[in-house]
């Protein structure tokens, strides 16, 4: 899936976050999982080649994938 990252490597990193978020969703409420996903995106964005990880398009794609609303 395309998460609006600028590279395949970036999309792969975000896909890992989504996969983990979906796993966490089985144990935690949606708000907790979304907070975790946002923290993970912010950590990823600290890496210069993935700085777009907190762009609106990326956050919206992750939200749709994890929360599904």
Protein backbone atom coordinates (compact mmCIF):
# COMPACT_ATOMS: atom_id res chain seq x y z
CA UNK A 1 0.00 0.00 0.00
CA UNK A 2 1.07 3.56 -0.64
CA UNK A 3 1.27 5.64 2.53
CA UNK A 4 2.28 8.85 0.70
CA UNK A 5 5.94 8.53 1.62
CA UNK A 6 8.53 9.74 -0.88
CA UNK A 7 10.20 6.35 -1.31
CA UNK A 8 9.48 2.64 -1.26
CA UNK A 9 11.70 2.36 1.81
CA UNK A 10 9.56 5.00 3.52
CA UNK A 11 6.33 3.23 2.60
CA UNK A 12 7.81 -0.02 3.92
CA UNK A 13 8.67 1.63 7.25
CA UNK A 14 5.17 3.05 7.58
CA UNK A 15 3.68 -0.34 6.65
CA UNK A 16 5.57 -1.80 9.63
CA UNK A 17 3.95 0.82 11.87
CA UNK A 18 0.51 -0.01 10.48
CA UNK A 19 1.05 -3.74 10.99
CA UNK A 20 2.12 -3.23 14.59
CA UNK A 21 -0.80 -0.83 15.16
CA UNK A 22 -3.26 -3.43 13.90
CA UNK A 23 -1.71 -6.00 16.24
CA UNK A 24 -2.05 -3.58 19.16
CA UNK A 25 -5.67 -2.89 18.23
CA UNK A 26 -6.55 -6.41 19.40
CA UNK A 27 -5.40 -5.52 22.93
CA UNK A 28 -5.94 -1.77 23.33
CA UNK A 29 -8.57 0.83 22.58
CA UNK A 30 -8.39 2.76 19.31
CA UNK A 31 -7.25 6.00 20.96
CA UNK A 32 -4.27 4.29 22.59
CA UNK A 33 -3.32 2.63 19.31
CA UNK A 34 -3.62 5.90 17.39
CA UNK A 35 -1.43 7.67 19.96
CA UNK A 36 1.15 4.90 19.60
CA UNK A 37 1.05 5.17 15.79
CA UNK A 38 1.52 8.95 15.91
CA UNK A 39 4.49 8.55 18.26
CA UNK A 40 5.97 5.97 15.88
CA UNK A 41 5.51 8.32 12.91
CA UNK A 42 7.15 11.16 14.83
CA UNK A 43 10.13 8.94 15.68
CA UNK A 44 10.40 7.89 12.03
CA UNK A 45 10.26 11.54 10.89
CA UNK A 46 13.40 12.29 12.93
CA UNK A 47 15.36 10.28 10.36
CA UNK A 48 16.20 12.75 7.57
CA UNK A 49 15.29 10.41 4.70
CA UNK A 50 11.83 9.84 6.23
CA UNK A 51 11.03 13.35 7.45
CA UNK A 52 7.69 13.35 5.60
CA UNK A 53 6.35 10.67 7.98
CA UNK A 54 4.32 13.31 9.84
CA UNK A 55 2.88 14.96 6.72
CA UNK A 56 -0.90 15.14 6.66
CA UNK A 57 -1.25 12.68 3.78
CA UNK A 58 0.85 10.07 5.59
CA UNK A 59 -1.04 10.53 8.87
CA UNK A 60 -4.39 10.26 7.08
CA UNK A 61 -3.34 7.07 5.28
CA UNK A 62 -2.15 5.51 8.53
CA UNK A 63 -5.32 6.59 10.32
CA UNK A 64 -7.49 4.97 7.64
CA UNK A 65 -5.44 1.78 7.84
CA UNK A 66 -5.28 1.50 11.61
CA UNK A 67 -8.51 3.09 12.81
CA UNK A 68 -10.52 2.49 9.66
CA UNK A 69 -12.94 5.38 9.98
